[in-house]
C-alpha cells in the first residue's frame, strides 16, 4: 500500500523529467519511459519498507537503466557479429 510520501516523491520525479525531457533522454536513451517510471515506482515502494528512506540511490537508478537497456545492448552486440560459412566474424 502506498503512502502519501511515496506518491509525492514519485509525482515530483515524474514532473521533473516531464519538465526536463533532455535529462530523461540522457539517462535512459530511447528506452520506454513508462517502463522506467514503473520500475522507479516499484523501487520506491521497496525502499519504503526499509529504514533508509524513499529516495533512490545511484546504484538503484543504474540497475533500473540496465534493466531497460539490456535488450538494446544485446541487439548491438549481435549486429557486430557476421555469420559466415567458416564461422562467426567479429566486426570491430
N, C-alpha and C. Protein backbone atom coordinates (compact mmCIF):
# COMPACT_ATOMS: atom_id res chain seq x y z
N UNK A 1 0.84 -1.19 0.00
CA UNK A 1 0.00 0.00 0.00
C UNK A 1 0.89 1.25 0.00
N UNK A 2 0.57 2.15 -0.90
CA UNK A 2 1.34 3.39 -1.00
C UNK A 2 0.95 4.35 0.10
N UNK A 3 1.93 5.09 0.55
CA UNK A 3 1.58 6.17 1.47
C UNK A 3 1.78 7.50 0.75
N UNK A 4 1.43 8.56 1.41
CA UNK A 4 1.46 9.89 0.79
C UNK A 4 2.88 10.28 0.39
N UNK A 5 3.87 9.96 1.22
CA UNK A 5 5.26 10.31 0.91
C UNK A 5 5.72 9.67 -0.40
N UNK A 6 5.36 8.40 -0.60
CA UNK A 6 5.74 7.71 -1.84
C UNK A 6 5.12 8.38 -3.05
N UNK A 7 3.83 8.67 -2.95
CA UNK A 7 3.14 9.30 -4.07
C UNK A 7 3.73 10.67 -4.40
N UNK A 8 4.04 11.44 -3.38
CA UNK A 8 4.62 12.76 -3.60
C UNK A 8 5.99 12.63 -4.27
N UNK A 9 6.83 11.72 -3.77
CA UNK A 9 8.17 11.53 -4.33
C UNK A 9 8.09 11.11 -5.80
N UNK A 10 7.22 10.16 -6.09
CA UNK A 10 7.09 9.66 -7.47
C UNK A 10 6.56 10.75 -8.39
N UNK A 11 5.54 11.49 -7.96
CA UNK A 11 4.98 12.56 -8.78
C UNK A 11 6.00 13.68 -9.03
N UNK A 12 6.81 14.00 -8.02
CA UNK A 12 7.85 15.02 -8.22
C UNK A 12 8.91 14.54 -9.19
N UNK A 13 9.26 13.28 -9.10
CA UNK A 13 10.26 12.72 -10.02
C UNK A 13 9.73 12.73 -11.45
N UNK A 14 8.48 12.33 -11.63
CA UNK A 14 7.87 12.33 -12.96
C UNK A 14 7.76 13.75 -13.50
N UNK A 15 7.33 14.69 -12.66
CA UNK A 15 7.20 16.07 -13.14
C UNK A 15 8.57 16.67 -13.48
N UNK A 16 9.61 16.29 -12.73
CA UNK A 16 10.96 16.78 -13.06
C UNK A 16 11.36 16.32 -14.46
N UNK A 17 11.15 15.03 -14.75
CA UNK A 17 11.55 14.52 -16.07
C UNK A 17 10.63 15.02 -17.18
N UNK A 18 9.37 15.32 -16.88
CA UNK A 18 8.48 15.91 -17.89
C UNK A 18 8.91 17.34 -18.21
N UNK A 19 9.39 18.07 -17.20
CA UNK A 19 9.87 19.44 -17.43
C UNK A 19 11.27 19.48 -18.02
N UNK A 20 12.03 18.40 -17.88
CA UNK A 20 13.40 18.31 -18.40
C UNK A 20 13.56 17.03 -19.22
N UNK A 21 12.92 16.97 -20.39
CA UNK A 21 12.95 15.73 -21.17
C UNK A 21 14.36 15.38 -21.66
N UNK A 22 15.22 16.35 -21.79
CA UNK A 22 16.60 16.08 -22.20
C UNK A 22 17.34 15.26 -21.16
N UNK A 23 17.08 15.53 -19.90
CA UNK A 23 17.72 14.76 -18.83
C UNK A 23 17.25 13.31 -18.84
N UNK A 24 15.96 13.11 -19.10
CA UNK A 24 15.44 11.74 -19.18
C UNK A 24 16.05 11.00 -20.36
N UNK A 25 16.14 11.67 -21.51
CA UNK A 25 16.74 11.05 -22.70
C UNK A 25 18.20 10.71 -22.45
N UNK A 26 18.90 11.58 -21.73
CA UNK A 26 20.30 11.33 -21.41
C UNK A 26 20.45 10.13 -20.49
N UNK A 27 19.48 9.95 -19.61
CA UNK A 27 19.52 8.86 -18.65
C UNK A 27 19.13 7.53 -19.26
N UNK A 28 18.01 7.47 -19.97
CA UNK A 28 17.51 6.19 -20.47
C UNK A 28 17.59 6.03 -21.98
N UNK A 29 17.97 7.07 -22.70
CA UNK A 29 18.07 6.97 -24.15
C UNK A 29 16.70 6.79 -24.79
N UNK A 30 16.61 5.85 -25.72
CA UNK A 30 15.36 5.61 -26.44
C UNK A 30 14.50 4.54 -25.77
N UNK A 31 14.81 4.21 -24.54
CA UNK A 31 14.05 3.18 -23.83
C UNK A 31 12.65 3.67 -23.49
N UNK A 32 11.81 2.75 -23.08
CA UNK A 32 10.42 3.04 -22.78
C UNK A 32 10.30 3.86 -21.49
N UNK A 33 9.75 5.07 -21.59
CA UNK A 33 9.61 5.95 -20.43
C UNK A 33 8.63 5.38 -19.41
N UNK A 34 7.53 4.81 -19.90
CA UNK A 34 6.53 4.25 -18.98
C UNK A 34 7.12 3.11 -18.16
N UNK A 35 7.92 2.27 -18.80
CA UNK A 35 8.56 1.17 -18.09
C UNK A 35 9.54 1.71 -17.05
N UNK A 36 10.25 2.79 -17.40
CA UNK A 36 11.18 3.41 -16.46
C UNK A 36 10.45 3.88 -15.21
N UNK A 37 9.32 4.58 -15.42
CA UNK A 37 8.58 5.10 -14.27
C UNK A 37 7.95 3.96 -13.45
N UNK A 38 7.55 2.87 -14.11
CA UNK A 38 7.02 1.72 -13.37
C UNK A 38 8.09 1.10 -12.49
N UNK A 39 9.30 0.95 -13.05
CA UNK A 39 10.40 0.38 -12.26
C UNK A 39 10.81 1.30 -11.12
N UNK A 40 10.78 2.60 -11.36
CA UNK A 40 11.10 3.56 -10.31
C UNK A 40 10.07 3.45 -9.19
N UNK A 41 8.79 3.40 -9.56
CA UNK A 41 7.74 3.29 -8.55
C UNK A 41 7.89 2.01 -7.72
N UNK A 42 8.19 0.92 -8.39
CA UNK A 42 8.38 -0.35 -7.70
C UNK A 42 9.54 -0.26 -6.70
N UNK A 43 10.64 0.37 -7.13
CA UNK A 43 11.80 0.50 -6.25
C UNK A 43 11.52 1.43 -5.07
N UNK A 44 10.78 2.50 -5.31
CA UNK A 44 10.43 3.42 -4.22
C UNK A 44 9.57 2.71 -3.18
N UNK A 45 8.64 1.89 -3.65
CA UNK A 45 7.79 1.14 -2.71
C UNK A 45 8.60 0.14 -1.90
N UNK A 46 9.62 -0.45 -2.54
CA UNK A 46 10.52 -1.35 -1.80
C UNK A 46 11.34 -0.56 -0.78
N UNK A 47 11.78 0.63 -1.16
CA UNK A 47 12.56 1.47 -0.24
C UNK A 47 11.72 1.90 0.96
N UNK A 48 10.42 2.05 0.74
CA UNK A 48 9.54 2.45 1.83
C UNK A 48 9.56 1.42 2.95
N UNK A 49 9.67 0.16 2.58
CA UNK A 49 9.69 -0.90 3.59
C UNK A 49 10.97 -0.90 4.41
N UNK A 50 12.06 -0.40 3.82
CA UNK A 50 13.34 -0.33 4.52
C UNK A 50 13.42 0.88 5.42
N UNK A 51 14.55 1.02 6.06
CA UNK A 51 14.74 2.12 7.01
C UNK A 51 15.53 3.29 6.43
N UNK A 52 16.04 3.15 5.20
CA UNK A 52 16.92 4.16 4.63
C UNK A 52 16.19 5.33 4.00
N UNK A 53 14.91 5.24 3.76
CA UNK A 53 14.17 6.33 3.15
C UNK A 53 13.67 5.97 1.77
N UNK A 54 12.92 6.88 1.17
CA UNK A 54 12.29 6.63 -0.12
C UNK A 54 13.21 6.88 -1.31
N UNK A 55 14.17 7.78 -1.16
CA UNK A 55 14.97 8.24 -2.28
C UNK A 55 15.73 7.08 -2.91
N UNK A 56 15.83 7.15 -4.23
CA UNK A 56 16.60 6.15 -4.97
C UNK A 56 18.08 6.45 -4.84
N UNK A 57 18.87 5.41 -4.69
CA UNK A 57 20.32 5.57 -4.66
C UNK A 57 20.84 5.54 -6.10
N UNK A 58 22.09 5.95 -6.28
CA UNK A 58 22.69 5.89 -7.60
C UNK A 58 22.70 4.47 -8.14
N UNK A 59 23.01 3.51 -7.28
CA UNK A 59 23.05 2.11 -7.71
C UNK A 59 21.68 1.64 -8.17
N UNK A 60 20.64 2.04 -7.46
CA UNK A 60 19.29 1.63 -7.85
C UNK A 60 18.90 2.22 -9.20
N UNK A 61 19.26 3.47 -9.44
CA UNK A 61 18.97 4.11 -10.73
C UNK A 61 19.75 3.40 -11.84
N UNK A 62 21.01 3.08 -11.59
CA UNK A 62 21.82 2.38 -12.59
C UNK A 62 21.22 1.02 -12.88
N UNK A 63 20.77 0.31 -11.85
CA UNK A 63 20.15 -1.00 -12.05
C UNK A 63 18.90 -0.90 -12.91
N UNK A 64 18.09 0.14 -12.68
CA UNK A 64 16.87 0.34 -13.48
C UNK A 64 17.23 0.61 -14.94
N UNK A 65 18.23 1.45 -15.17
CA UNK A 65 18.64 1.77 -16.54
C UNK A 65 19.20 0.52 -17.22
N UNK A 66 19.94 -0.29 -16.49
CA UNK A 66 20.47 -1.53 -17.07
C UNK A 66 19.36 -2.49 -17.45
N UNK A 67 18.32 -2.56 -16.64
CA UNK A 67 17.18 -3.42 -16.98
C UNK A 67 16.53 -2.94 -18.28
N UNK A 68 16.40 -1.63 -18.43
CA UNK A 68 15.77 -1.06 -19.63
C UNK A 68 16.61 -1.24 -20.88
N UNK A 69 17.92 -1.14 -20.75
CA UNK A 69 18.79 -1.18 -21.93
C UNK A 69 19.37 -2.56 -22.21
N UNK A 70 19.02 -3.54 -21.42
CA UNK A 70 19.56 -4.89 -21.57
C UNK A 70 19.30 -5.45 -22.97
N UNK A 71 18.06 -5.37 -23.44
CA UNK A 71 17.71 -5.91 -24.75
C UNK A 71 18.37 -5.12 -25.86
N UNK A 72 18.44 -3.81 -25.69
CA UNK A 72 19.04 -2.96 -26.72
C UNK A 72 20.53 -3.26 -26.88
N UNK A 73 21.24 -3.49 -25.77
CA UNK A 73 22.66 -3.81 -25.84
C UNK A 73 22.88 -5.15 -26.52
N UNK A 74 22.00 -6.10 -26.27
CA UNK A 74 22.11 -7.41 -26.91
C UNK A 74 21.98 -7.27 -28.43
N UNK A 75 21.08 -6.40 -28.90
CA UNK A 75 20.93 -6.17 -30.33
C UNK A 75 22.20 -5.56 -30.91
N UNK A 76 22.83 -4.62 -30.18
CA UNK A 76 24.06 -4.00 -30.65
C UNK A 76 25.16 -5.03 -30.80
N UNK A 77 25.29 -5.90 -29.81
CA UNK A 77 26.33 -6.91 -29.83
C UNK A 77 26.14 -7.84 -31.01
N UNK A 78 24.89 -8.26 -31.26
CA UNK A 78 24.63 -9.17 -32.36
C UNK A 78 24.89 -8.51 -33.71
N UNK A 79 24.76 -7.18 -33.81
CA UNK A 79 24.99 -6.52 -35.09
C UNK A 79 26.48 -6.46 -35.44
N UNK A 80 27.36 -6.69 -34.46
CA UNK A 80 28.79 -6.69 -34.73
C UNK A 80 29.31 -8.07 -35.09
N UNK A 81 28.43 -9.06 -35.12
CA UNK A 81 28.83 -10.42 -35.46
C UNK A 81 28.20 -10.80 -36.78
N UNK A 82 29.04 -11.16 -37.74
CA UNK A 82 28.54 -11.60 -39.04
C UNK A 82 28.78 -13.09 -39.16
N UNK A 83 27.73 -13.82 -39.47
CA UNK A 83 27.86 -15.27 -39.61
C UNK A 83 28.30 -15.57 -41.03
N UNK A 84 29.38 -16.30 -41.14
CA UNK A 84 29.92 -16.67 -42.43
C UNK A 84 29.99 -18.18 -42.57
N UNK A 85 30.40 -18.63 -43.76
CA UNK A 85 30.45 -20.08 -43.98
C UNK A 85 31.53 -20.77 -43.14
N UNK A 86 32.53 -20.03 -42.69
CA UNK A 86 33.62 -20.62 -41.90
C UNK A 86 33.51 -20.27 -40.41
N UNK A 87 32.38 -19.70 -40.01
CA UNK A 87 32.19 -19.34 -38.61
C UNK A 87 31.81 -17.88 -38.47
N UNK A 88 31.82 -17.44 -37.26
CA UNK A 88 31.43 -16.06 -36.97
C UNK A 88 32.60 -15.10 -37.21
N UNK A 89 32.30 -13.94 -37.77
CA UNK A 89 33.29 -12.90 -37.99
C UNK A 89 32.88 -11.71 -37.13
N UNK A 90 33.79 -11.25 -36.28
CA UNK A 90 33.52 -10.13 -35.40
C UNK A 90 33.97 -8.85 -36.07
N UNK A 91 33.01 -7.95 -36.28
CA UNK A 91 33.28 -6.68 -36.97
C UNK A 91 33.50 -5.60 -35.94
N UNK A 92 34.76 -5.35 -35.61
CA UNK A 92 35.01 -4.33 -34.60
C UNK A 92 35.73 -3.17 -35.18
